């Protein structure tokens, strides 16, 4: 299976948080977001994790819609 490299970016003030992940490992990305949100040493909180989780969900929905439209157009 061909894994596509993806990324989520959050700009927060003067900081930029970049999370890179392979397609299919979104569950690991969510774990990493939770781990970062619970780390009090960085300026990444639960709201930030929720924002990126929402972005991830939207991208997965778009990907699913694309796959479904491909299947219906080839049927």
C-alpha atoms as a PDB file:
ATOM      1  CA  UNK A   1       0.000   0.000   0.000  1.00  0.00           C
ATOM      2  CA  UNK A   2       1.255   3.451  -0.902  1.00  0.00           C
ATOM      3  CA  UNK A   3       1.304   5.745   2.163  1.00  0.00           C
ATOM      4  CA  UNK A   4       0.941   9.414   1.404  1.00  0.00           C
ATOM      5  CA  UNK A   5       2.795  11.853   3.669  1.00  0.00           C
ATOM      6  CA  UNK A   6       0.449  14.510   5.067  1.00  0.00           C
ATOM      7  CA  UNK A   7       0.701  17.316   7.575  1.00  0.00           C
ATOM      8  CA  UNK A   8      -1.420  19.494   9.821  1.00  0.00           C
ATOM      9  CA  UNK A   9      -0.224  22.993  10.676  1.00  0.00           C
ATOM     10  CA  UNK A  10      -1.325  25.291  13.475  1.00  0.00           C
ATOM     11  CA  UNK A  11      -0.088  28.885  13.580  1.00  0.00           C
ATOM     12  CA  UNK A  12      -0.390  30.234  17.108  1.00  0.00           C
ATOM     13  CA  UNK A  13       1.059  33.664  17.732  1.00  0.00           C
ATOM     14  CA  UNK A  14       4.756  33.500  16.944  1.00  0.00           C
ATOM     15  CA  UNK A  15       4.768  29.703  17.047  1.00  0.00           C
ATOM     16  CA  UNK A  16       4.009  27.179  14.349  1.00  0.00           C
ATOM     17  CA  UNK A  17       3.105  23.592  15.201  1.00  0.00           C
ATOM     18  CA  UNK A  18       3.598  21.112  12.365  1.00  0.00           C
ATOM     19  CA  UNK A  19       2.452  17.514  12.688  1.00  0.00           C
ATOM     20  CA  UNK A  20       3.492  15.180   9.861  1.00  0.00           C
ATOM     21  CA  UNK A  21       1.898  11.771   9.489  1.00  0.00           C
ATOM     22  CA  UNK A  22       1.366   8.986   6.993  1.00  0.00           C
ATOM     23  CA  UNK A  23      -2.031   8.338   5.502  1.00  0.00           C
ATOM     24  CA  UNK A  24      -3.597   5.564   7.569  1.00  0.00           C
ATOM     25  CA  UNK A  25      -1.904   6.559  10.835  1.00  0.00           C
ATOM     26  CA  UNK A  26      -4.417   9.209  11.867  1.00  0.00           C
ATOM     27  CA  UNK A  27      -5.030   7.400  15.166  1.00  0.00           C
ATOM     28  CA  UNK A  28      -1.359   7.854  16.062  1.00  0.00           C
ATOM     29  CA  UNK A  29      -1.621  11.530  15.156  1.00  0.00           C
ATOM     30  CA  UNK A  30      -4.575  11.955  17.519  1.00  0.00           C
ATOM     31  CA  UNK A  31      -2.545  10.293  20.279  1.00  0.00           C
ATOM     32  CA  UNK A  32       0.315  12.719  19.595  1.00  0.00           C
ATOM     33  CA  UNK A  33      -2.047  15.701  19.728  1.00  0.00           C
ATOM     34  CA  UNK A  34      -3.356  14.558  23.124  1.00  0.00           C
ATOM     35  CA  UNK A  35       0.172  14.014  24.399  1.00  0.00           C
ATOM     36  CA  UNK A  36       1.230  17.497  23.321  1.00  0.00           C
ATOM     37  CA  UNK A  37      -1.887  19.079  24.831  1.00  0.00           C
ATOM     38  CA  UNK A  38      -1.152  17.495  28.204  1.00  0.00           C
ATOM     39  CA  UNK A  39       2.464  18.746  28.160  1.00  0.00           C
ATOM     40  CA  UNK A  40       2.557  21.924  30.274  1.00  0.00           C
ATOM     41  CA  UNK A  41       6.036  22.847  28.988  1.00  0.00           C
ATOM     42  CA  UNK A  42       4.794  23.884  25.561  1.00  0.00           C
ATOM     43  CA  UNK A  43       2.162  26.391  24.467  1.00  0.00           C
ATOM     44  CA  UNK A  44      -0.127  23.800  22.868  1.00  0.00           C
ATOM     45  CA  UNK A  45      -3.389  23.271  24.730  1.00  0.00           C
ATOM     46  CA  UNK A  46      -6.552  21.197  24.435  1.00  0.00           C
ATOM     47  CA  UNK A  47      -8.247  23.817  22.263  1.00  0.00           C
ATOM     48  CA  UNK A  48      -5.330  23.601  19.811  1.00  0.00           C
ATOM     49  CA  UNK A  49      -5.643  19.810  19.785  1.00  0.00           C
ATOM     50  CA  UNK A  50      -9.378  20.139  19.114  1.00  0.00           C
ATOM     51  CA  UNK A  51      -8.773  22.548  16.221  1.00  0.00           C
ATOM     52  CA  UNK A  52      -6.284  20.185  14.576  1.00  0.00           C
ATOM     53  CA  UNK A  53      -8.513  17.195  15.261  1.00  0.00           C
ATOM     54  CA  UNK A  54     -11.356  19.036  13.495  1.00  0.00           C
ATOM     55  CA  UNK A  55      -9.067  19.801  10.528  1.00  0.00           C
ATOM     56  CA  UNK A  56      -8.086  16.130  10.392  1.00  0.00           C
ATOM     57  CA  UNK A  57     -11.731  15.041  10.443  1.00  0.00           C
ATOM     58  CA  UNK A  58     -12.608  17.451   7.633  1.00  0.00           C
ATOM     59  CA  UNK A  59      -9.754  16.162   5.477  1.00  0.00           C
ATOM     60  CA  UNK A  60     -10.845  12.549   6.083  1.00  0.00           C
ATOM     61  CA  UNK A  61     -14.420  13.409   5.088  1.00  0.00           C
ATOM     62  CA  UNK A  62     -13.202  15.035   1.866  1.00  0.00           C
ATOM     63  CA  UNK A  63     -11.028  11.998   1.153  1.00  0.00           C
ATOM     64  CA  UNK A  64     -13.966   9.630   1.761  1.00  0.00           C
ATOM     65  CA  UNK A  65     -16.260  11.687  -0.479  1.00  0.00           C
ATOM     66  CA  UNK A  66     -13.629  11.603  -3.221  1.00  0.00           C
ATOM     67  CA  UNK A  67     -13.314   7.817  -2.961  1.00  0.00           C
ATOM     68  CA  UNK A  68     -17.090   7.384  -3.037  1.00  0.00           C
ATOM     69  CA  UNK A  69     -17.455   9.604  -6.093  1.00  0.00           C
ATOM     70  CA  UNK A  70     -14.736   7.607  -7.875  1.00  0.00           C
ATOM     71  CA  UNK A  71     -16.576   4.350  -7.158  1.00  0.00           C
ATOM     72  CA  UNK A  72     -19.927   5.670  -8.375  1.00  0.00           C
ATOM     73  CA  UNK A  73     -18.417   7.113 -11.556  1.00  0.00           C
ATOM     74  CA  UNK A  74     -16.755   3.793 -12.454  1.00  0.00           C
ATOM     75  CA  UNK A  75     -19.829   1.676 -11.684  1.00  0.00           C
END
